[in-house]
Amino acid sequence: MAKRKVKRKPSPWNKGREVGQRAPLSLAEVTRIKKMLTKRGDGALRDLALFSTAIDTMLRAQDLLVLTVKDVRKRDRVMRDPLELTTAKFGERVQCVLSKATKKTLARWIDQSGKKPGGYLFTGRLGGGLTPMSVRQVSRLVKSWTEDIGLDASLYGMESLRRTRSIHILNKTENMEAVRIMLGLADIRTTARYLSASKPVNALAINRAHQF
């Protein structure tokens, strides 16, 4: 009698992959990572510029990693303020603001690396330094940085950088529409889902505080 073949269940699509939203960083954690990278000197200048730009701009990975020198600096070498970009996913025009510290770091990185106006800001070792870093490369860096300051690296990734400042602004201002515009998202519902890990809303307390 022939043996009956047992069908194997297909492996889950997410087996071995990290899924779910990546945790944002607190302001204190952002400061600690910046200080750590600064102490590492010129060898970590690219990483410091990448981290600072990602936090400030709140751009998606696909938009952040294709930034070029001319996107952030004019021909006269003056840093742009604000940056005006079109997002790849929705074709939305977004304006990004860089802090003074980030502008200085970017300017130093551009000069140190000798990048041309059309060159990508953040490049890896592959492609002779002419191709942008991959999302996987940046995620590995984020995990390394968070682990180095004593955090659980499994909770963090590339998306943590985009969510950090947006959640902080939302918690401070409670202005979801403004944050939606900053993130270049399609609508309020999408924004609310994206920022679901922000400070929980106490609807009852708000209701009580705004009685007639």
Protein backbone atom coordinates (compact mmCIF):
# COMPACT_ATOMS: atom_id res chain seq x y z
CA MET A 1 0.00 0.00 0.00
CA ALA A 2 1.45 3.33 -1.06
CA LYS A 3 2.23 5.78 1.67
CA ARG A 4 0.08 8.84 1.73
CA LYS A 5 1.98 12.04 1.18
CA VAL A 6 1.56 14.59 3.92
CA LYS A 7 1.21 18.11 2.63
CA ARG A 8 3.48 20.55 4.31
CA LYS A 9 1.97 23.79 5.46
CA PRO A 10 3.47 26.77 3.66
CA SER A 11 5.78 28.87 5.77
CA PRO A 12 4.25 32.11 7.05
CA TRP A 13 5.16 35.09 4.85
CA ASN A 14 6.66 36.84 7.87
CA LYS A 15 8.78 33.94 9.14
CA GLY A 16 12.12 35.33 10.27
CA ARG A 17 11.07 38.87 9.48
CA GLU A 18 10.39 41.74 11.80
CA VAL A 19 6.85 42.99 11.42
CA GLY A 20 4.78 45.67 13.07
CA GLN A 21 5.57 49.29 13.65
CA ARG A 22 9.01 50.16 14.90
CA ALA A 23 9.17 52.01 18.20
CA PRO A 24 9.93 55.75 18.20
CA LEU A 25 12.79 57.22 20.19
CA SER A 26 12.37 59.66 23.04
CA LEU A 27 14.06 63.06 22.90
CA ALA A 28 16.53 61.88 25.55
CA GLU A 29 17.39 58.82 23.45
CA VAL A 30 17.86 60.96 20.33
CA THR A 31 20.28 63.17 22.29
CA ARG A 32 22.22 60.15 23.57
CA ILE A 33 22.64 58.71 20.08
CA LYS A 34 23.80 62.07 18.70
CA LYS A 35 26.34 62.45 21.51
CA MET A 36 27.58 58.90 20.96
CA LEU A 37 28.09 59.44 17.22
CA THR A 38 29.70 62.84 17.79
CA LYS A 39 32.25 61.27 20.17
CA ARG A 40 33.22 58.79 17.44
CA GLY A 41 34.60 61.66 15.38
CA ASP A 42 34.87 62.08 11.62
CA GLY A 43 34.55 58.34 11.03
CA ALA A 44 30.92 58.52 12.16
CA LEU A 45 30.08 61.83 10.44
CA ARG A 46 27.98 60.16 7.74
CA ASP A 47 25.98 58.28 10.38
CA LEU A 48 25.44 61.43 12.43
CA ALA A 49 24.29 63.34 9.34
CA LEU A 50 21.98 60.49 8.34
CA PHE A 51 20.46 60.12 11.81
CA SER A 52 19.96 63.87 12.29
CA THR A 53 18.46 64.38 8.81
CA ALA A 54 16.09 61.44 9.20
CA ILE A 55 14.83 62.69 12.57
CA ASP A 56 14.36 66.29 11.36
CA THR A 57 12.72 65.60 7.99
CA MET A 58 10.45 62.66 9.00
CA LEU A 59 10.81 61.38 5.42
CA ARG A 60 10.01 57.86 4.28
CA ALA A 61 13.05 55.71 3.59
CA GLN A 62 12.47 55.85 -0.16
CA ASP A 63 12.55 59.67 -0.06
CA LEU A 64 15.32 60.09 2.53
CA LEU A 65 17.82 57.80 0.86
CA VAL A 66 17.61 59.45 -2.57
CA LEU A 67 18.34 62.94 -1.24
CA THR A 68 21.14 64.59 -3.18
CA VAL A 69 23.48 67.44 -2.28
CA LYS A 70 21.48 69.90 -4.39
CA ASP A 71 18.31 68.94 -2.49
CA VAL A 72 19.79 70.32 0.74
CA ARG A 73 22.37 72.90 -0.42
CA LYS A 74 22.22 75.70 -2.98
CA ARG A 75 24.93 76.44 -5.54
CA ASP A 76 26.27 79.18 -3.30
CA ARG A 77 26.79 76.50 -0.60
CA VAL A 78 24.03 77.91 1.61
CA MET A 79 21.87 75.19 3.15
CA ARG A 80 18.25 75.22 2.01
CA ASP A 81 15.56 76.28 4.48
CA PRO A 82 13.09 74.72 4.19
CA LEU A 83 13.70 71.70 1.95
CA GLU A 84 10.90 71.33 -0.60
CA LEU A 85 10.45 67.80 -1.91
CA THR A 86 7.92 65.64 -3.74
CA THR A 87 7.27 62.28 -2.08
CA ALA A 88 7.61 59.15 -4.18
CA LYS A 89 4.55 57.32 -2.80
CA PHE A 90 1.80 59.94 -3.10
CA GLY A 91 3.50 62.67 -5.14
CA GLU A 92 2.78 65.11 -2.30
CA ARG A 93 4.82 68.28 -1.90
CA VAL A 94 6.34 68.41 1.56
CA GLN A 95 8.43 71.01 3.31
CA CYS A 96 11.09 69.81 5.73
CA VAL A 97 12.89 71.90 8.31
CA LEU A 98 16.44 71.12 9.43
CA SER A 99 17.82 72.29 12.76
CA LYS A 100 20.92 74.48 12.82
CA ALA A 101 22.93 71.58 14.22
CA THR A 102 21.78 69.26 11.43
CA LYS A 103 22.64 71.84 8.77
CA LYS A 104 26.17 72.15 10.16
CA THR A 105 26.59 68.39 10.31
CA LEU A 106 25.33 67.96 6.75
CA ALA A 107 27.60 70.71 5.47
CA ARG A 108 30.60 69.05 7.15
CA TRP A 109 29.64 65.66 5.71
CA ILE A 110 29.23 67.03 2.17
CA ASP A 111 32.63 68.74 2.35
CA GLN A 112 34.37 65.75 3.94
CA SER A 113 32.98 63.29 1.40
CA GLY A 114 33.61 65.58 -1.58
CA LYS A 115 30.15 64.92 -2.99
CA LYS A 116 29.02 66.70 -6.14
CA PRO A 117 25.67 68.56 -6.38
CA GLY A 118 23.97 65.59 -8.06
CA GLY A 119 25.50 62.99 -5.71
CA TYR A 120 23.47 61.05 -3.19
CA LEU A 121 23.98 62.24 0.38
CA PHE A 122 24.01 58.83 2.02
CA THR A 123 25.86 56.13 0.14
CA GLY A 124 27.11 52.71 1.14
CA ARG A 125 30.26 50.82 0.22
CA LEU A 126 28.64 49.05 -2.74
CA GLY A 127 28.56 50.81 -6.09
CA GLY A 128 31.78 52.68 -5.48
CA GLY A 129 30.08 55.14 -3.16
CA LEU A 130 27.76 56.30 -5.95
CA THR A 131 24.58 54.44 -5.01
CA PRO A 132 22.28 55.27 -2.09
CA MET A 133 22.23 53.15 1.04
CA SER A 134 19.52 50.51 1.25
CA VAL A 135 16.74 50.44 3.83
CA ARG A 136 18.27 47.25 5.22
CA GLN A 137 21.62 48.96 5.73
CA VAL A 138 20.02 51.84 7.62
CA SER A 139 17.89 49.49 9.73
CA ARG A 140 21.03 47.65 10.77
CA LEU A 141 22.62 50.95 11.75
CA VAL A 142 19.58 51.98 13.79
CA LYS A 143 19.68 48.67 15.64
CA SER A 144 23.37 49.13 16.32
CA TRP A 145 22.89 52.68 17.63
CA THR A 146 19.98 51.76 19.88
CA GLU A 147 21.80 48.73 21.22
CA ASP A 148 24.87 50.87 21.95
CA ILE A 149 22.83 53.14 24.24
CA GLY A 150 21.27 50.19 26.07
CA LEU A 151 17.91 49.78 24.26
CA ASP A 152 16.32 46.60 22.96
CA ALA A 153 17.42 46.76 19.32
CA SER A 154 14.67 44.40 18.17
CA LEU A 155 12.11 47.16 18.76
CA TYR A 156 13.76 49.65 16.41
CA GLY A 157 14.43 50.06 12.71
CA MET A 158 14.45 52.52 9.84
CA GLU A 159 10.83 53.53 10.46
CA SER A 160 11.69 54.55 14.04
CA LEU A 161 13.47 57.59 12.65
CA ARG A 162 10.39 58.78 10.74
CA ARG A 163 8.02 58.23 13.64
CA THR A 164 10.11 59.84 16.40
CA ARG A 165 9.60 63.55 15.72
CA SER A 166 6.10 63.18 14.28
CA ILE A 167 4.83 61.50 17.45
CA HIS A 168 6.61 64.08 19.61
CA ILE A 169 4.97 66.94 17.68
CA LEU A 170 1.55 65.30 17.86
CA ASN A 171 1.83 64.76 21.61
CA LYS A 172 2.89 68.38 22.11
CA THR A 173 0.39 70.06 19.79
CA GLU A 174 -2.46 67.51 19.37
CA ASN A 175 -2.68 68.83 15.79
CA MET A 176 -3.14 65.72 13.68
CA GLU A 177 -3.71 67.67 10.46
CA ALA A 178 -0.40 69.53 10.78
CA VAL A 179 1.45 66.26 11.37
CA ARG A 180 -0.35 64.70 8.38
CA ILE A 181 0.97 67.50 6.16
CA MET A 182 4.50 67.13 7.56
CA LEU A 183 4.49 63.39 6.88
CA GLY A 184 2.95 63.73 3.42
CA LEU A 185 0.20 61.22 4.24
CA ALA A 186 -3.07 60.95 2.34
CA ASP A 187 -5.60 61.57 5.09
CA ILE A 188 -6.19 61.88 8.83
CA ARG A 189 -7.19 58.23 9.26
CA THR A 190 -3.95 57.04 7.70
CA THR A 191 -2.02 59.41 9.96
CA ALA A 192 -3.87 58.21 13.07
CA ARG A 193 -3.10 54.57 12.25
CA TYR A 194 0.54 55.36 11.51
CA LEU A 195 0.98 57.16 14.83
CA SER A 196 -0.96 54.61 16.86
CA ALA A 197 1.94 54.15 19.31
CA SER A 198 1.73 57.76 20.46
CA LYS A 199 0.56 58.83 23.90
CA PRO A 200 -2.86 57.23 24.58
CA VAL A 201 -5.79 59.62 24.51
CA ASN A 202 -7.84 59.93 27.68
CA ALA A 203 -11.14 60.92 26.05
CA LEU A 204 -13.02 61.03 29.38
CA ALA A 205 -10.50 63.45 30.91
CA ILE A 206 -10.68 65.69 27.84
CA ASN A 207 -14.47 65.60 27.97
CA ARG A 208 -14.50 66.63 31.63
CA ALA A 209 -11.99 69.42 31.09
CA HIS A 210 -14.09 71.07 28.37
CA GLN A 211 -17.53 71.31 29.92
CA PHE A 212 -19.77 74.30 29.26
